[in-house]
Amino acid sequence: MHHISSLLAIIFLMTLSNCDSSKKTQQNNPNAEFTVLHKSEYGGKDGKCYDIIKNNNDRTQLLLSLNLDEETAQQLKGVDLNTHTILALHMGQHNTGGYSIDISNVEENGDTTYVTVEEKGPEPGAMVTMALTNPYCIALVEKNETIVFKANEK
């Protein structure tokens, strides 16, 4: 009888320690840090897409595809891709100005980072540039295994 109670006590303690360790490994940060390096109404891709830059080849392609000022280009070249990921959010081509794309929040949950993307258009009747625009945004987030994009629910 003493062995059974000892065995039950050990199982109970193992169960408690397993629950506790899972909480320690589960990282949940609803307001993770991110940095917007550059935004522009002009120069993004013609189609809507989100690029995740995790290696030097992809960073080089991004630098070649965008017409960036020297300061922004140097910032991108200086990003440590071992600790951060570069995001390039392209809104696609629009017939007028007044459009923008941005990040409103970043949330980390374990090995997944959720990026909330906010797109804005011109207010009805607003004075806008009558030119083709291709809004984009370049941002940095902490490196994580998976990045998921979601639209801002407003």
C-alpha atoms as a PDB file:
ATOM      1  CA  MET A   1       0.000   0.000   0.000  1.00  0.00           C
ATOM      2  CA  HIS A   2       2.895   2.342   0.806  1.00  0.00           C
ATOM      3  CA  HIS A   3       4.374   1.706  -2.674  1.00  0.00           C
ATOM      4  CA  ILE A   4       1.124   2.669  -4.378  1.00  0.00           C
ATOM      5  CA  SER A   5       0.874   5.983  -2.524  1.00  0.00           C
ATOM      6  CA  SER A   6       4.549   6.714  -3.280  1.00  0.00           C
ATOM      7  CA  LEU A   7       3.986   5.894  -6.933  1.00  0.00           C
ATOM      8  CA  LEU A   8       0.911   8.130  -7.058  1.00  0.00           C
ATOM      9  CA  ALA A   9       2.871  10.953  -5.415  1.00  0.00           C
ATOM     10  CA  ILE A  10       5.658  10.630  -8.006  1.00  0.00           C
ATOM     11  CA  ILE A  11       3.163  10.617 -10.892  1.00  0.00           C
ATOM     12  CA  PHE A  12       1.424  13.661  -9.421  1.00  0.00           C
ATOM     13  CA  LEU A  13       4.738  15.553  -9.072  1.00  0.00           C
ATOM     14  CA  MET A  14       5.765  14.618 -12.632  1.00  0.00           C
ATOM     15  CA  THR A  15       2.430  15.893 -13.931  1.00  0.00           C
ATOM     16  CA  LEU A  16       2.888  19.179 -12.088  1.00  0.00           C
ATOM     17  CA  SER A  17       6.436  19.637 -13.353  1.00  0.00           C
ATOM     18  CA  ASN A  18       5.351  18.920 -16.945  1.00  0.00           C
ATOM     19  CA  CYS A  19       2.620  21.558 -16.766  1.00  0.00           C
ATOM     20  CA  ASP A  20       5.028  24.088 -15.341  1.00  0.00           C
ATOM     21  CA  SER A  21       7.736  23.500 -17.948  1.00  0.00           C
ATOM     22  CA  SER A  22       5.276  23.897 -20.838  1.00  0.00           C
ATOM     23  CA  LYS A  23       4.413  27.372 -19.573  1.00  0.00           C
ATOM     24  CA  LYS A  24       8.084  28.315 -19.505  1.00  0.00           C
ATOM     25  CA  THR A  25       8.672  27.236 -23.102  1.00  0.00           C
ATOM     26  CA  GLN A  26       5.484  28.863 -24.413  1.00  0.00           C
ATOM     27  CA  GLN A  27       6.394  32.470 -25.133  1.00  0.00           C
ATOM     28  CA  ASN A  28       3.435  34.789 -25.596  1.00  0.00           C
ATOM     29  CA  ASN A  29       4.034  38.469 -26.195  1.00  0.00           C
ATOM     30  CA  PRO A  30       0.890  40.242 -27.478  1.00  0.00           C
ATOM     31  CA  ASN A  31       2.784  43.486 -28.107  1.00  0.00           C
ATOM     32  CA  ALA A  32       6.129  42.350 -29.486  1.00  0.00           C
ATOM     33  CA  GLU A  33       8.551  44.968 -30.707  1.00  0.00           C
ATOM     34  CA  PHE A  34       8.838  45.876 -34.355  1.00  0.00           C
ATOM     35  CA  THR A  35      10.495  48.714 -36.231  1.00  0.00           C
ATOM     36  CA  VAL A  36       9.236  50.340 -39.413  1.00  0.00           C
ATOM     37  CA  LEU A  37      12.356  51.304 -41.381  1.00  0.00           C
ATOM     38  CA  HIS A  38      10.749  52.859 -44.430  1.00  0.00           C
ATOM     39  CA  LYS A  39       7.354  53.637 -45.987  1.00  0.00           C
ATOM     40  CA  SER A  40       6.555  55.079 -49.378  1.00  0.00           C
ATOM     41  CA  GLU A  41       3.633  55.525 -51.769  1.00  0.00           C
ATOM     42  CA  TYR A  42       5.947  54.909 -54.716  1.00  0.00           C
ATOM     43  CA  GLY A  43       8.255  52.079 -55.710  1.00  0.00           C
ATOM     44  CA  GLY A  44       6.550  48.970 -54.345  1.00  0.00           C
ATOM     45  CA  LYS A  45       5.552  45.935 -56.380  1.00  0.00           C
ATOM     46  CA  ASP A  46       2.603  46.088 -58.791  1.00  0.00           C
ATOM     47  CA  GLY A  47       0.816  43.226 -57.030  1.00  0.00           C
ATOM     48  CA  LYS A  48      -0.140  42.885 -53.398  1.00  0.00           C
ATOM     49  CA  CYS A  49       2.322  40.631 -51.531  1.00  0.00           C
ATOM     50  CA  TYR A  50       4.279  40.273 -48.313  1.00  0.00           C
ATOM     51  CA  ASP A  51       7.968  39.344 -48.552  1.00  0.00           C
ATOM     52  CA  ILE A  52       9.750  37.672 -45.638  1.00  0.00           C
ATOM     53  CA  ILE A  53      13.503  38.297 -45.823  1.00  0.00           C
ATOM     54  CA  LYS A  54      15.484  35.750 -43.775  1.00  0.00           C
ATOM     55  CA  ASN A  55      18.748  35.435 -45.732  1.00  0.00           C
ATOM     56  CA  ASN A  56      21.328  37.565 -47.551  1.00  0.00           C
ATOM     57  CA  ASN A  57      20.211  36.539 -51.067  1.00  0.00           C
ATOM     58  CA  ASP A  58      16.646  37.697 -50.385  1.00  0.00           C
ATOM     59  CA  ARG A  59      17.952  40.923 -48.817  1.00  0.00           C
ATOM     60  CA  THR A  60      20.066  41.629 -51.910  1.00  0.00           C
ATOM     61  CA  GLN A  61      17.044  41.038 -54.170  1.00  0.00           C
ATOM     62  CA  LEU A  62      14.957  43.424 -52.033  1.00  0.00           C
ATOM     63  CA  LEU A  63      17.633  46.116 -52.204  1.00  0.00           C
ATOM     64  CA  LEU A  64      17.847  45.750 -55.990  1.00  0.00           C
ATOM     65  CA  SER A  65      14.064  45.858 -56.457  1.00  0.00           C
ATOM     66  CA  LEU A  66      13.428  49.051 -54.468  1.00  0.00           C
ATOM     67  CA  ASN A  67      14.697  52.554 -55.116  1.00  0.00           C
ATOM     68  CA  LEU A  68      15.833  53.306 -51.554  1.00  0.00           C
ATOM     69  CA  ASP A  69      17.755  56.288 -50.255  1.00  0.00           C
ATOM     70  CA  GLU A  70      21.303  55.509 -49.124  1.00  0.00           C
ATOM     71  CA  GLU A  71      20.482  55.749 -45.404  1.00  0.00           C
ATOM     72  CA  THR A  72      17.637  53.192 -45.613  1.00  0.00           C
ATOM     73  CA  ALA A  73      19.739  50.892 -47.816  1.00  0.00           C
ATOM     74  CA  GLN A  74      22.549  50.989 -45.240  1.00  0.00           C
ATOM     75  CA  GLN A  75      20.079  50.239 -42.430  1.00  0.00           C
ATOM     76  CA  LEU A  76      18.861  47.165 -44.310  1.00  0.00           C
ATOM     77  CA  LYS A  77      22.417  46.032 -45.041  1.00  0.00           C
ATOM     78  CA  GLY A  78      23.208  46.320 -41.324  1.00  0.00           C
ATOM     79  CA  VAL A  79      20.320  44.130 -40.110  1.00  0.00           C
ATOM     80  CA  ASP A  80      21.526  40.972 -38.330  1.00  0.00           C
ATOM     81  CA  LEU A  81      19.448  38.248 -39.987  1.00  0.00           C
ATOM     82  CA  ASN A  82      20.410  35.829 -37.195  1.00  0.00           C
ATOM     83  CA  THR A  83      18.260  37.815 -34.770  1.00  0.00           C
ATOM     84  CA  HIS A  84      15.784  39.694 -36.997  1.00  0.00           C
ATOM     85  CA  THR A  85      13.608  39.202 -40.069  1.00  0.00           C
ATOM     86  CA  ILE A  86      12.937  41.942 -42.616  1.00  0.00           C
ATOM     87  CA  LEU A  87       9.350  42.280 -43.836  1.00  0.00           C
ATOM     88  CA  ALA A  88       8.478  44.054 -47.090  1.00  0.00           C
ATOM     89  CA  LEU A  89       4.735  44.674 -47.349  1.00  0.00           C
ATOM     90  CA  HIS A  90       3.499  45.665 -50.810  1.00  0.00           C
ATOM     91  CA  MET A  91      -0.032  46.999 -51.256  1.00  0.00           C
ATOM     92  CA  GLY A  92      -0.023  46.731 -55.061  1.00  0.00           C
ATOM     93  CA  GLN A  93      -0.656  49.362 -57.697  1.00  0.00           C
ATOM     94  CA  HIS A  94      -3.379  52.017 -57.334  1.00  0.00           C
ATOM     95  CA  ASN A  95      -4.574  54.676 -59.780  1.00  0.00           C
ATOM     96  CA  THR A  96      -4.241  57.553 -57.291  1.00  0.00           C
ATOM     97  CA  GLY A  97      -2.385  58.588 -54.168  1.00  0.00           C
ATOM     98  CA  GLY A  98      -3.792  58.424 -50.657  1.00  0.00           C
ATOM     99  CA  TYR A  99      -3.080  54.725 -50.096  1.00  0.00           C
ATOM    100  CA  SER A 100      -0.738  53.350 -47.442  1.00  0.00           C
ATOM    101  CA  ILE A 101       0.270  50.064 -45.847  1.00  0.00           C
ATOM    102  CA  ASP A 102       1.659  49.697 -42.337  1.00  0.00           C
ATOM    103  CA  ILE A 103       1.983  47.348 -39.378  1.00  0.00           C
ATOM    104  CA  SER A 104      -0.316  48.067 -36.445  1.00  0.00           C
ATOM    105  CA  ASN A 105       0.785  45.239 -34.124  1.00  0.00           C
ATOM    106  CA  VAL A 106       3.096  42.253 -33.804  1.00  0.00           C
ATOM    107  CA  GLU A 107       2.336  39.335 -31.488  1.00  0.00           C
ATOM    108  CA  GLU A 108       4.643  36.444 -30.667  1.00  0.00           C
ATOM    109  CA  ASN A 109       3.159  33.143 -29.601  1.00  0.00           C
ATOM    110  CA  GLY A 110       5.756  30.402 -29.253  1.00  0.00           C
ATOM    111  CA  ASP A 111       7.530  29.903 -32.576  1.00  0.00           C
ATOM    112  CA  THR A 112       4.952  31.958 -34.522  1.00  0.00           C
ATOM    113  CA  THR A 113       4.903  35.708 -35.035  1.00  0.00           C
ATOM    114  CA  TYR A 114       1.564  37.276 -36.029  1.00  0.00           C
ATOM    115  CA  VAL A 115       1.886  40.548 -37.947  1.00  0.00           C
ATOM    116  CA  THR A 116      -1.227  42.740 -38.157  1.00  0.00           C
ATOM    117  CA  VAL A 117      -1.185  44.648 -41.441  1.00  0.00           C
ATOM    118  CA  GLU A 118      -3.141  47.887 -41.800  1.00  0.00           C
ATOM    119  CA  GLU A 119      -4.083  49.171 -45.240  1.00  0.00           C
ATOM    120  CA  LYS A 120      -5.617  52.584 -45.735  1.00  0.00           C
ATOM    121  CA  GLY A 121      -7.175  54.265 -48.740  1.00  0.00           C
ATOM    122  CA  PRO A 122      -8.117  57.870 -49.365  1.00  0.00           C
ATOM    123  CA  GLU A 123     -11.200  59.303 -47.709  1.00  0.00           C
ATOM    124  CA  PRO A 124     -14.134  59.784 -50.092  1.00  0.00           C
ATOM    125  CA  GLY A 125     -13.772  63.149 -51.831  1.00  0.00           C
ATOM    126  CA  ALA A 126     -10.221  63.690 -50.573  1.00  0.00           C
ATOM    127  CA  MET A 127      -7.723  65.514 -52.774  1.00  0.00           C
ATOM    128  CA  VAL A 128      -5.234  62.892 -53.953  1.00  0.00           C
ATOM    129  CA  THR A 129      -2.308  62.687 -56.340  1.00  0.00           C
ATOM    130  CA  MET A 130      -3.494  61.657 -59.781  1.00  0.00           C
ATOM    131  CA  ALA A 131      -0.672  59.232 -60.457  1.00  0.00           C
ATOM    132  CA  LEU A 132      -0.028  55.514 -60.235  1.00  0.00           C
ATOM    133  CA  THR A 133       1.168  54.597 -56.750  1.00  0.00           C
ATOM    134  CA  ASN A 134       2.613  51.374 -55.325  1.00  0.00           C
ATOM    135  CA  PRO A 135       2.655  51.767 -51.528  1.00  0.00           C
ATOM    136  CA  TYR A 136       5.006  49.622 -49.484  1.00  0.00           C
ATOM    137  CA  CYS A 137       6.442  49.342 -45.996  1.00  0.00           C
ATOM    138  CA  ILE A 138       9.693  47.782 -44.767  1.00  0.00           C
ATOM    139  CA  ALA A 139       9.853  46.641 -41.150  1.00  0.00           C
ATOM    140  CA  LEU A 140      11.923  44.523 -38.772  1.00  0.00           C
ATOM    141  CA  VAL A 141      10.646  41.873 -36.375  1.00  0.00           C
ATOM    142  CA  GLU A 142      12.506  39.489 -34.108  1.00  0.00           C
ATOM    143  CA  LYS A 143      13.444  36.267 -35.869  1.00  0.00           C
ATOM    144  CA  ASN A 144      10.944  33.452 -35.417  1.00  0.00           C
ATOM    145  CA  GLU A 145      10.221  30.168 -37.150  1.00  0.00           C
ATOM    146  CA  THR A 146       6.867  31.144 -38.678  1.00  0.00           C
ATOM    147  CA  ILE A 147       5.405  34.521 -39.626  1.00  0.00           C
ATOM    148  CA  VAL A 148       1.659  34.872 -40.213  1.00  0.00           C
ATOM    149  CA  PHE A 149       0.074  38.016 -41.628  1.00  0.00           C
ATOM    150  CA  LYS A 150      -3.442  39.117 -40.723  1.00  0.00           C
ATOM    151  CA  ALA A 151      -5.536  42.117 -41.685  1.00  0.00           C
ATOM    152  CA  ASN A 152      -6.330  44.773 -39.105  1.00  0.00           C
ATOM    153  CA  GLU A 153      -9.922  44.231 -37.998  1.00  0.00           C
ATOM    154  CA  LYS A 154     -11.405  47.751 -37.811  1.00  0.00           C
END
